[in-house]
Amino acid sequence: MKGKKVKKLIALVAAVTVAAGSMAGCSGKEKETKKEEKIANIAMSSEPDNIDGSRGDSSAKGAIILEVQESLLRMDENGETQPAGAESWEISEDGLVYTFKIRDNKYSDGTKVLAEDYANCLIRTLDPEVASTYAANYYFIKGAEAYNTGKGSEEEVGIKALDESTLEITLNQPVPYFLKMLTSNQFTPIPKKHTEGEKNVTYGADAENMSFSGPFMIEEWTRGEGFTLKKNPEYWDAESVKLDGVNFLLVQEQNTQQQMFEQGKLDLIENIPAEYYDKVKGKIDSGDIKLVEWPKPSILYLTFNNQDPEGIFTNAKIRQAFSLAIDRELYFEKVVKKDAVAYGLIPPATSIGDAKFRDNHEEPLLALKDQDPKKLLEEGLKEIGREGEQIEITYLQGDANNNTKVRSEFFQNQWETKLGVKVKIDTAADNATFNNMVNKGEYQVCNTGWGADYNDPMTFMKIFTSDDSNNNPKYSNPEYDELVNACMSETDMKVREEKFAEAEKILLEDAAIAPLNFGLQKNLVQKRLEGVTFSGLGGPDVELKKADIK
């Protein structure tokens, strides 16, 4: 049976607008009342370990960073990039030199936002001392790779503040998707005074030593509870910001989020499962609450350690066996109950030029799904010299939440039942510990994923090239590398599309990862909250700059 396919997705960005109530006077006389603050309450499923733009490598970090800092470009409600920290720019004829005019903007403390602040954030992303997992994303910048790998100096990097309001970035080669990248965390400003000396590696661990250039500023960050944001009166576009503040509340359990939403303690919850949608459908139909469905450009997958110290997942047939043993339709129906089944890497929401990549290319794993996983396992064990052995593998669970536990036990049951292996489940202390272990390769198999940093297949394909710092499966295939790296400078979108399709096929035949589900979100918004934008194509998943409470 073929996997469930996502219907053609037209709108990548959804704006929420709901009706507003009004306040009445009393005793027939106009009475002065104190203006009630407009505060939105948003749930966070996980807490970032830092809010440093240079190390902004997760949606949890981006949710905060991109509300309190102004990236060079911002995405509007139509999904188009617009001037933001940069009010204009010029590109040289050869496509190598980008010159940005930094607009007149101030930090929350009243100091001027400078071109060197933007340069500082991007250069720190490449600084070996900072150890950003995003460094390899920017190796196309002149001198970036040499500096990041200790073979060159900071002075040789093509990122320069020419004066207070002029930023110049020089590339090694034309990059057709470069402007799309400028909405991300690494293109936000950080004043050098905050990152001098020892502060270079501790910046962003708390909100005390920070200046805020975006629509909001952090008033308080309480570990284990969340963030309190207030409107930034110094922000260049403060007139467009209607909210007085935002509370990002750390609520990890989905059931608790739903209860708080019903009690009016949350204005927005993301990615609700099918059974909860059925429960609230009446309120959606009556207009009491707002449903926003949107194709989030993201994917969740199983990651196999291709350099497994135990030697098991170093074999492609064994990885393929563990991938194909998963009944994805059953997983979708019984476990996640949301999103869409994935048999490929690149999500349906992802564009290449003016086209949707997935419209023209079937998901590669569909052609492989009828293979016998038990036979593949036997062949793989023979190849690594462990023929006939009953192996035991360890699955690393991301945290102790019930939803995470249910997923882990599903995988355990599938593998033990269909492959005859033993599966031990280890649980990381928290999400930050889990990410650290996975980045270091201290696991055999785990469930993780990726969301788009910009709207191009490269954001998903690049992380599996051999030298990429986000290559958690430690996968390496020269043919894959050659195809993906060629797409960095290729300007013919049809050629890029075909190369990406070939590379995706190689990745999944090698079973570096096992795709599980694409993002296809159902979000609930209270009637009082309007103007929220959902995207995830480079800006924050939930954009609150133009949100309002009526």
Foldseek 3Di string as FASTA:
>chain_A
DFFDDDDQADAQKDFFFFDADDDDAPPPDHDDDDDDAFEAEAEDQAADQFLQLLQQADLNNQQPNQAFWWFQWAADRRRDTAGIQFNDWDADPQQFKIKTFGDFFAWLVGHTFFLVQQLVLLLLNLACVQVHLCQVVQPQWFPSVCRSVVNDHSVRTQWDRPDRGMIMTGGNFHFPCVVLLRQGSSRTGFDVVCCPDPSVNVHGSAQPSGITGHQWHWPHQDPPFFTKIAGRPRHPVNVLFAHGIYTHTHDNAPVVVVVCVVVVNHFKDKFDAPVVCVVCVVCCVVSQWDKDWHFFFKFKWKAFQCVDPVPQNVFLLLLLLLQLLDPLVCCCVPASRTFGWALFQGGQSFDQVPHGLCVVAPRQNSVVNPDQSQVSSQVRCVVSPNHPDAEEFEEEFQADHPSSVRVVVSSQVSCCVRRVHHYHYDYAHHNVRVVVCLLVQVHGMYMDMDGAQARHCLSRLVLCDQPRSNNSSNDYDVLLNVLSVVLRNDPPRVSNSVSSSVSRNVCVSSSSIRTRGGHTMIMMGGSQKGGWMAHRRNHNRTDNRNIHGD
